[in-house]
């Protein structure tokens, strides 16, 4: 089966389930959005992450999805995700095919992040902003679904004990809010019938 079949199945699944909002009484969280970028290359579905520069004041050197806080001119959270993707990676927002939304994720920096899953061109022609992107990481989805790369710890976050996820791909460690979003996404992928035939070979 094709990668396009996977993207269509994900679009159908995300449309069939309401994405949950953050509900944390007593906390006032600012709005933010990210794009969870998927693409096809050589018949294999991939996901893209960016590593933040070491010079940033917050979350330096961490892997993330393109995105950020909602600006006043952003009509919707989706506008935020697409604008930030264009600013960070040079990907024309008109060329992003949005498949749907994932559950909101709270952060210790007092944000509520709305993730949007989208398909970007697979040509690898990025124009990264040096102020926001130090490195671009492309990972086949099949590798991300390997349970051997996942480690789970428990920690108190925003007044409640939560699972913290750490995905290690080669020498790259994805954790924090990005890992929680990735966990939600991979759970959705695992529910797609026949998904194994759509993932291709691992790298």
Protein backbone atom coordinates (compact mmCIF):
# COMPACT_ATOMS: atom_id res chain seq x y z
CA UNK A 1 0.00 0.00 0.00
CA UNK A 2 1.13 3.58 -0.62
CA UNK A 3 2.20 6.42 1.61
CA UNK A 4 -0.71 8.40 0.20
CA UNK A 5 -3.02 5.71 1.61
CA UNK A 6 -1.46 6.30 5.03
CA UNK A 7 -1.97 10.06 4.80
CA UNK A 8 -5.60 9.56 3.75
CA UNK A 9 -6.20 7.11 6.59
CA UNK A 10 -4.70 9.54 9.11
CA UNK A 11 -6.85 12.36 7.77
CA UNK A 12 -9.95 10.19 8.19
CA UNK A 13 -8.98 9.10 11.69
CA UNK A 14 -8.17 12.60 12.92
CA UNK A 15 -11.47 13.88 11.53
CA UNK A 16 -13.39 11.16 13.36
CA UNK A 17 -12.15 12.02 16.86
CA UNK A 18 -12.40 15.38 18.65
CA UNK A 19 -9.00 16.72 19.66
CA UNK A 20 -9.00 17.36 23.41
CA UNK A 21 -8.33 20.79 24.88
CA UNK A 22 -6.13 21.35 27.93
CA UNK A 23 -8.17 21.60 31.14
CA UNK A 24 -6.02 22.84 34.02
CA UNK A 25 -8.11 24.82 36.53
CA UNK A 26 -6.11 27.59 38.14
CA UNK A 27 -3.60 27.92 35.29
CA UNK A 28 -3.73 30.65 32.65
CA UNK A 29 -1.94 29.31 29.59
CA UNK A 30 -0.95 31.24 26.49
CA UNK A 31 -1.91 29.88 23.08
CA UNK A 32 0.65 28.28 20.78
CA UNK A 33 0.51 25.99 17.77
CA UNK A 34 2.89 23.67 15.96
CA UNK A 35 2.90 21.73 12.72
CA UNK A 36 3.75 18.04 12.89
CA UNK A 37 5.34 17.79 9.42
CA UNK A 38 5.09 14.59 7.43
CA UNK A 39 6.46 13.93 3.98
CA UNK A 40 7.13 11.12 1.53
CA UNK A 41 10.54 10.39 0.10
CA UNK A 42 11.39 7.35 -2.02
CA UNK A 43 8.09 5.75 -1.04
CA UNK A 44 8.75 6.07 2.70
CA UNK A 45 6.82 8.33 5.11
CA UNK A 46 9.00 10.59 7.26
CA UNK A 47 8.59 13.13 10.03
CA UNK A 48 10.58 16.35 10.40
CA UNK A 49 11.93 17.92 13.59
CA UNK A 50 14.04 21.02 14.11
CA UNK A 51 16.71 21.58 16.74
CA UNK A 52 16.63 24.97 18.38
CA UNK A 53 19.86 27.02 18.48
CA UNK A 54 21.98 26.96 21.63
CA UNK A 55 21.70 30.74 21.82
CA UNK A 56 17.95 30.81 22.55
CA UNK A 57 16.78 31.87 25.99
CA UNK A 58 14.32 28.99 26.38
CA UNK A 59 14.45 25.36 25.23
CA UNK A 60 17.90 25.81 23.73
CA UNK A 61 19.24 22.79 21.79
CA UNK A 62 15.92 20.96 22.13
CA UNK A 63 14.16 19.23 19.26
CA UNK A 64 10.79 20.66 18.37
CA UNK A 65 8.18 20.98 15.67
CA UNK A 66 7.95 24.27 13.77
CA UNK A 67 5.59 26.58 15.62
CA UNK A 68 5.26 29.16 18.33
CA UNK A 69 3.00 31.53 20.21
CA UNK A 70 -0.13 32.89 18.59
CA UNK A 71 0.25 36.47 17.32
CA UNK A 72 -2.57 38.99 17.32
CA UNK A 73 -2.83 38.84 13.52
CA UNK A 74 -3.23 35.03 13.48
CA UNK A 75 -6.92 34.41 12.78
CA UNK A 76 -6.80 30.83 14.09
CA UNK A 77 -4.32 28.46 15.76
CA UNK A 78 -3.79 26.87 12.33
CA UNK A 79 -2.67 30.25 10.97
CA UNK A 80 -0.04 30.30 13.73
CA UNK A 81 1.30 26.86 12.86
CA UNK A 82 1.52 27.57 9.13
CA UNK A 83 3.03 31.04 9.58
CA UNK A 84 5.69 29.72 11.93
CA UNK A 85 6.50 26.83 9.59
CA UNK A 86 7.02 29.26 6.75
CA UNK A 87 9.16 31.57 8.88
CA UNK A 88 11.31 28.79 10.36
CA UNK A 89 11.77 26.50 7.35
CA UNK A 90 10.83 28.55 4.29
CA UNK A 91 7.98 26.14 3.44
CA UNK A 92 5.19 27.99 1.64
CA UNK A 93 2.07 27.65 3.81
CA UNK A 94 0.02 27.15 0.64
CA UNK A 95 1.94 23.95 -0.02
CA UNK A 96 1.01 22.31 3.30
CA UNK A 97 -1.80 19.76 3.26
CA UNK A 98 -3.36 19.76 6.73
CA UNK A 99 -4.61 16.33 7.83
CA UNK A 100 -6.09 17.27 11.20
CA UNK A 101 -5.45 18.14 14.84
CA UNK A 102 -3.98 16.30 17.83
CA UNK A 103 -4.75 16.87 21.52
CA UNK A 104 -3.55 20.09 23.11
CA UNK A 105 -0.43 19.79 25.25
CA UNK A 106 0.43 22.03 28.25
CA UNK A 107 4.01 23.11 28.88
CA UNK A 108 5.90 24.12 32.00
CA UNK A 109 6.51 27.47 30.29
CA UNK A 110 2.76 28.14 30.60
CA UNK A 111 1.66 27.48 27.02
CA UNK A 112 -1.12 25.33 25.62
CA UNK A 113 0.10 23.88 22.32
CA UNK A 114 -2.33 22.87 19.58
CA UNK A 115 -0.61 20.46 17.16
CA UNK A 116 -1.69 20.20 13.53
CA UNK A 117 -0.58 17.26 11.40
CA UNK A 118 0.38 18.31 7.89
CA UNK A 119 2.06 16.97 4.77
CA UNK A 120 4.90 19.09 3.37
CA UNK A 121 6.84 18.68 0.11
CA UNK A 122 9.35 15.85 0.29
CA UNK A 123 12.04 17.52 -1.82
CA UNK A 124 14.13 18.60 1.19
CA UNK A 125 14.37 22.16 -0.10
CA UNK A 126 14.30 24.10 3.15
CA UNK A 127 15.36 27.66 3.85
CA UNK A 128 15.84 27.48 7.63
CA UNK A 129 15.97 30.63 9.73
CA UNK A 130 19.35 30.61 11.55
CA UNK A 131 17.78 32.47 14.48
CA UNK A 132 15.28 29.63 15.07
CA UNK A 133 16.69 26.46 13.50
CA UNK A 134 20.13 24.97 14.10
CA UNK A 135 19.53 21.55 12.56
CA UNK A 136 16.80 19.72 10.62
CA UNK A 137 16.16 16.09 11.53
CA UNK A 138 14.25 13.79 9.18
CA UNK A 139 13.16 10.42 10.60
CA UNK A 140 11.26 7.56 8.90
CA UNK A 141 7.99 6.90 10.72
CA UNK A 142 8.86 3.22 11.03
CA UNK A 143 11.87 4.09 13.18
CA UNK A 144 9.75 6.25 15.47
CA UNK A 145 7.34 3.35 16.01
CA UNK A 146 10.16 1.11 17.27
CA UNK A 147 9.50 0.65 21.03
CA UNK A 148 13.23 0.25 21.65
CA UNK A 149 13.82 3.99 21.11
CA UNK A 150 11.31 5.06 23.81
CA UNK A 151 12.06 5.61 27.52
CA UNK A 152 9.37 6.75 29.99
CA UNK A 153 9.92 8.55 33.32
CA UNK A 154 7.44 9.99 35.82
CA UNK A 155 7.65 13.56 37.10
CA UNK A 156 5.36 16.15 38.67
CA UNK A 157 4.43 18.76 36.04
CA UNK A 158 1.91 21.59 36.56
CA UNK A 159 0.64 20.11 39.78
CA UNK A 160 0.18 16.50 38.61
CA UNK A 161 2.35 13.44 38.07
CA UNK A 162 2.85 12.86 34.37
CA UNK A 163 4.73 10.48 32.12
CA UNK A 164 7.75 12.04 30.42
CA UNK A 165 8.75 10.50 27.10
CA UNK A 166 12.25 10.34 25.61
CA UNK A 167 12.71 9.13 22.02
CA UNK A 168 16.33 8.46 21.03
CA UNK A 169 17.04 8.21 17.30
CA UNK A 170 20.75 7.74 16.59
CA UNK A 171 22.27 10.42 18.86
CA UNK A 172 19.18 12.65 18.78
CA UNK A 173 16.94 12.77 21.87
CA UNK A 174 13.38 14.09 21.47
CA UNK A 175 11.67 14.92 24.76
CA UNK A 176 9.41 17.46 26.47
CA UNK A 177 6.23 18.72 24.83
CA UNK A 178 7.46 17.54 21.42
CA UNK A 179 7.73 13.97 22.69
CA UNK A 180 4.22 14.14 24.18
CA UNK A 181 2.85 15.32 20.84
CA UNK A 182 4.81 12.59 19.06
CA UNK A 183 3.40 9.99 21.46
CA UNK A 184 -0.17 11.09 20.67
CA UNK A 185 0.55 11.04 16.93
CA UNK A 186 2.12 7.57 17.01
CA UNK A 187 -0.89 6.27 18.93
CA UNK A 188 -3.08 7.49 16.07
CA UNK A 189 -0.81 5.89 13.47
CA UNK A 190 -0.93 2.56 15.31
CA UNK A 191 -4.73 2.54 14.95
CA UNK A 192 -4.63 2.72 11.14
CA UNK A 193 -5.59 -0.70 9.69
CA UNK A 194 -2.74 -2.29 7.76
CA UNK A 195 -0.32 0.51 8.66
CA UNK A 196 2.69 -1.86 8.55
CA UNK A 197 2.39 -2.14 4.78
CA UNK A 198 2.47 1.65 4.38
CA UNK A 199 5.66 2.40 6.34
CA UNK A 200 8.42 1.09 4.07
CA UNK A 201 11.79 -0.12 5.31
CA UNK A 202 13.61 1.33 8.34
CA UNK A 203 16.73 3.41 7.85
